[in-house]
Amino acid sequence: MRQAIGAWLLATYALLLPATVRAQDAAETVPVPPPGGITPSEPNYSLGVGVGFLTWDDDAPYEGVTLASLGIERRLWQAIRGRARMGLGESELLGEGNTDVTIILIDLEVLVSPAFGPLRDLPVLPYAVGGLGAVVTDPSGEGDDDPPTHSQSQWSVGGGVRARPFSRWELEVEGVRNGMRLLDPLDAENPDSETIHNLRWEGRLSWTF
């Protein structure tokens, strides 16, 4: 789990690093505005919090889970954004004597929307999203009864709509279909895995800066 969280933090740092470099370059190249003047700049980053729900295929041994998420986006171009997102929730491992399971979702995604020309001023815009990531399943237990923690790769594709009710705030509603290679939740020595899918719905509030 520590490796998965570390990978998410590294990806977030990679998204933020260009902003520091650009700010240093701007300080050297952009002239100081005249007294009382303002140099406008369009926000390139957004920090968002969300609440969602994850449903699993019938073959998956987990209950559906409510997720809280934290993500950061960077505008790569007018119509393209990159996003690093992390979701956290509590589920149950189904079977004899249900076991509580912590679910962690880590995603690196690209968002594409028609945010150019006259369309960029529309109050609501659709967008498509796709990416890669990981699903960490961490069952609770003690001693010999402690099931293994797994980090499993996943891909995601979906879409949503984005509204900007205020200049610095955005609201998003998103649906994403995920595919993943699910490992045996009870046997750490079993290398076999199966492909399953889940569906994730999420509402998110973001502040742009």
Protein backbone atom coordinates (compact mmCIF):
# COMPACT_ATOMS: atom_id res chain seq x y z
CA MET A 1 0.00 0.00 0.00
CA ARG A 2 2.85 2.38 0.80
CA GLN A 3 4.30 1.85 -2.69
CA ALA A 4 0.94 2.60 -4.33
CA ILE A 5 0.42 5.78 -2.29
CA GLY A 6 4.01 6.80 -3.00
CA ALA A 7 3.40 6.38 -6.74
CA TRP A 8 0.33 8.63 -6.52
CA LEU A 9 2.28 11.31 -4.64
CA LEU A 10 5.09 11.12 -7.22
CA ALA A 11 2.61 11.57 -10.07
CA THR A 12 1.04 14.55 -8.30
CA TYR A 13 4.48 16.11 -7.87
CA ALA A 14 5.17 15.58 -11.57
CA LEU A 15 2.00 17.51 -12.43
CA LEU A 16 2.89 20.38 -10.11
CA LEU A 17 6.60 20.67 -10.99
CA PRO A 18 6.11 22.44 -14.35
CA ALA A 19 4.13 25.16 -12.57
CA THR A 20 7.15 26.02 -10.41
CA VAL A 21 9.45 26.14 -13.42
CA ARG A 22 6.98 28.23 -15.40
CA ALA A 23 6.55 30.66 -12.51
CA GLN A 24 10.34 31.14 -12.31
CA ASP A 25 10.56 31.75 -16.06
CA ALA A 26 7.66 34.16 -15.95
CA ALA A 27 9.33 36.19 -13.20
CA GLU A 28 12.34 36.64 -15.48
CA THR A 29 10.57 37.32 -18.78
CA VAL A 30 7.21 38.99 -18.07
CA PRO A 31 7.45 42.75 -17.63
CA VAL A 32 6.08 44.32 -14.48
CA PRO A 33 2.62 45.79 -15.17
CA PRO A 34 2.17 49.50 -14.80
CA PRO A 35 0.94 50.91 -11.47
CA GLY A 36 -2.66 49.90 -11.00
CA GLY A 37 -2.45 47.47 -13.93
CA ILE A 38 -3.35 43.76 -13.75
CA THR A 39 -1.85 41.04 -15.87
CA PRO A 40 -4.63 38.45 -16.36
CA SER A 41 -3.72 34.78 -16.20
CA GLU A 42 -5.98 31.80 -16.85
CA PRO A 43 -6.01 29.13 -14.11
CA ASN A 44 -4.07 26.03 -15.17
CA TYR A 45 -4.63 23.85 -12.10
CA SER A 46 -7.56 22.62 -10.07
CA LEU A 47 -7.82 20.81 -6.76
CA GLY A 48 -10.96 18.77 -6.26
CA VAL A 49 -12.75 16.67 -3.65
CA GLY A 50 -15.48 14.23 -4.51
CA VAL A 51 -17.88 11.54 -3.31
CA GLY A 52 -18.66 8.51 -5.41
CA PHE A 53 -19.90 4.94 -5.46
CA LEU A 54 -18.13 1.88 -6.87
CA THR A 55 -20.09 -1.20 -7.96
CA TRP A 56 -18.45 -4.53 -8.81
CA ASP A 57 -19.22 -7.33 -11.26
CA ASP A 58 -21.21 -10.24 -9.88
CA ASP A 59 -18.04 -12.36 -9.93
CA ALA A 60 -16.12 -9.97 -7.66
CA PRO A 61 -15.96 -10.96 -3.98
CA TYR A 62 -16.51 -7.41 -2.71
CA GLU A 63 -19.50 -5.31 -1.72
CA GLY A 64 -20.15 -1.97 -3.41
CA VAL A 65 -18.32 0.87 -1.71
CA THR A 66 -18.81 4.59 -1.14
CA LEU A 67 -15.62 6.50 -1.93
CA ALA A 68 -14.15 9.85 -0.92
CA SER A 69 -11.65 11.19 -3.44
CA LEU A 70 -8.97 13.85 -3.77
CA GLY A 71 -7.52 14.85 -7.13
CA ILE A 72 -5.43 17.48 -8.85
CA GLU A 73 -5.73 18.46 -12.52
CA ARG A 74 -3.42 20.38 -14.81
CA ARG A 75 -4.51 22.04 -18.04
CA LEU A 76 -2.20 20.71 -20.77
CA TRP A 77 -4.01 22.51 -23.57
CA GLN A 78 -7.38 24.23 -23.92
CA ALA A 79 -9.15 20.93 -24.57
CA ILE A 80 -6.87 18.50 -22.68
CA ARG A 81 -6.21 18.05 -18.97
CA GLY A 82 -4.14 15.60 -16.96
CA ARG A 83 -5.36 14.34 -13.59
CA ALA A 84 -3.94 12.43 -10.64
CA ARG A 85 -6.68 11.10 -8.37
CA MET A 86 -6.92 8.97 -5.26
CA GLY A 87 -10.08 7.42 -3.79
CA LEU A 88 -10.61 5.74 -0.42
CA GLY A 89 -13.48 3.67 0.95
CA GLU A 90 -14.48 0.69 3.10
CA SER A 91 -16.01 -2.48 1.64
CA GLU A 92 -16.53 -6.10 2.68
CA LEU A 93 -14.92 -9.31 1.47
CA LEU A 94 -17.87 -11.62 0.91
CA GLY A 95 -17.91 -15.18 2.10
CA GLU A 96 -17.94 -17.03 5.36
CA GLY A 97 -17.51 -14.40 8.05
CA ASN A 98 -17.45 -11.17 6.05
CA THR A 99 -14.18 -9.24 6.42
CA ASP A 100 -13.83 -5.47 6.25
CA VAL A 101 -11.65 -4.30 3.36
CA THR A 102 -10.07 -0.91 2.72
CA ILE A 103 -10.26 -0.03 -0.98
CA ILE A 104 -7.80 2.51 -2.42
CA LEU A 105 -8.08 3.63 -6.05
CA ILE A 106 -5.14 5.43 -7.67
CA ASP A 107 -5.64 6.91 -11.16
CA LEU A 108 -3.59 8.82 -13.73
CA GLU A 109 -6.04 10.10 -16.35
CA VAL A 110 -6.38 12.31 -19.41
CA LEU A 111 -9.55 14.39 -19.90
CA VAL A 112 -10.59 15.73 -23.32
CA SER A 113 -13.39 18.27 -23.82
CA PRO A 114 -14.47 20.71 -26.57
CA ALA A 115 -13.17 23.68 -24.51
CA PHE A 116 -11.95 25.79 -27.41
CA GLY A 117 -13.30 28.61 -29.58
CA PRO A 118 -16.84 29.75 -28.76
CA LEU A 119 -17.60 26.45 -26.97
CA ARG A 120 -15.26 27.24 -24.09
CA ASP A 121 -17.70 29.88 -22.80
CA LEU A 122 -20.63 27.47 -22.52
CA PRO A 123 -21.87 27.03 -18.92
CA VAL A 124 -21.75 23.20 -19.18
CA LEU A 125 -19.28 21.11 -21.18
CA PRO A 126 -19.08 17.33 -21.70
CA TYR A 127 -15.74 15.54 -21.54
CA ALA A 128 -14.24 12.10 -22.08
CA VAL A 129 -11.79 10.53 -19.65
CA GLY A 130 -9.42 7.56 -19.81
CA GLY A 131 -6.38 6.38 -17.93
CA LEU A 132 -4.43 3.77 -16.01
CA GLY A 133 -4.05 3.13 -12.33
CA ALA A 134 -4.14 0.65 -9.48
CA VAL A 135 -6.64 -0.83 -7.04
CA VAL A 136 -5.31 -1.61 -3.57
CA THR A 137 -7.35 -4.06 -1.48
CA ASP A 138 -6.37 -4.25 2.19
CA PRO A 139 -8.50 -6.70 4.23
CA SER A 140 -8.47 -6.40 8.01
CA GLY A 141 -7.43 -9.29 10.22
CA GLU A 142 -5.02 -10.43 12.89
CA GLY A 143 -2.25 -13.02 12.95
CA ASP A 144 -2.74 -16.03 10.69
CA ASP A 145 -6.24 -14.83 9.82
CA ASP A 146 -4.94 -11.64 8.18
CA PRO A 147 -5.67 -11.86 4.40
CA PRO A 148 -3.03 -10.45 2.04
CA THR A 149 -2.95 -6.89 0.75
CA HIS A 150 -2.94 -6.68 -3.06
CA SER A 151 -2.16 -3.89 -5.52
CA GLN A 152 -3.79 -4.66 -8.88
CA SER A 153 -3.48 -2.74 -12.16
CA GLN A 154 -6.55 -1.23 -13.79
CA TRP A 155 -7.62 0.82 -16.82
CA SER A 156 -10.53 3.23 -16.99
CA VAL A 157 -12.67 4.91 -19.66
CA GLY A 158 -15.75 7.07 -19.32
CA GLY A 159 -17.12 10.58 -19.47
CA GLY A 160 -18.85 13.35 -17.60
CA VAL A 161 -20.10 16.92 -17.63
CA ARG A 162 -18.42 19.97 -16.14
CA ALA A 163 -20.09 23.21 -15.04
CA ARG A 164 -18.49 26.41 -13.76
CA PRO A 165 -21.04 28.25 -11.58
CA PHE A 166 -18.37 30.70 -10.39
CA SER A 167 -15.11 31.91 -11.91
CA ARG A 168 -12.87 29.76 -9.69
CA TRP A 169 -15.15 26.80 -8.95
CA GLU A 170 -16.13 23.81 -11.07
CA LEU A 171 -18.72 21.07 -10.56
CA GLU A 172 -18.33 17.69 -12.26
CA VAL A 173 -20.46 14.57 -12.52
CA GLU A 174 -18.62 11.58 -13.95
CA GLY A 175 -19.15 7.92 -14.79
CA VAL A 176 -16.18 5.61 -15.44
CA ARG A 177 -15.96 1.94 -16.39
CA ASN A 178 -12.90 0.21 -14.92
CA GLY A 179 -11.25 -3.08 -15.86
CA MET A 180 -8.75 -4.78 -13.58
CA ARG A 181 -6.84 -8.00 -13.01
CA LEU A 182 -8.18 -9.31 -9.71
CA LEU A 183 -5.90 -11.47 -7.58
CA ASP A 184 -7.06 -14.09 -5.08
CA PRO A 185 -8.10 -12.02 -2.03
CA LEU A 186 -7.30 -14.84 0.43
CA ASP A 187 -4.17 -16.51 -0.98
CA ALA A 188 -1.02 -14.41 -1.40
CA GLU A 189 0.81 -17.34 -3.04
CA ASN A 190 -1.73 -17.79 -5.85
CA PRO A 191 -0.41 -15.97 -8.97
CA ASP A 192 -3.61 -16.50 -10.98
CA SER A 193 -5.88 -13.53 -11.67
CA GLU A 194 -9.10 -12.85 -13.54
CA THR A 195 -10.36 -9.81 -15.40
CA ILE A 196 -13.34 -8.11 -13.81
CA HIS A 197 -15.04 -4.77 -14.34
CA ASN A 198 -16.58 -2.21 -12.06
CA LEU A 199 -18.52 1.00 -12.51
CA ARG A 200 -17.71 4.20 -10.66
CA TRP A 201 -19.99 7.23 -10.35
CA GLU A 202 -18.67 10.41 -8.77
CA GLY A 203 -19.62 14.01 -8.08
CA ARG A 204 -16.76 16.46 -7.54
CA LEU A 205 -16.19 20.09 -6.53
CA SER A 206 -12.94 21.70 -7.70
CA TRP A 207 -11.19 25.00 -7.06
CA THR A 208 -9.07 26.33 -9.93
CA PHE A 209 -5.85 28.25 -9.44
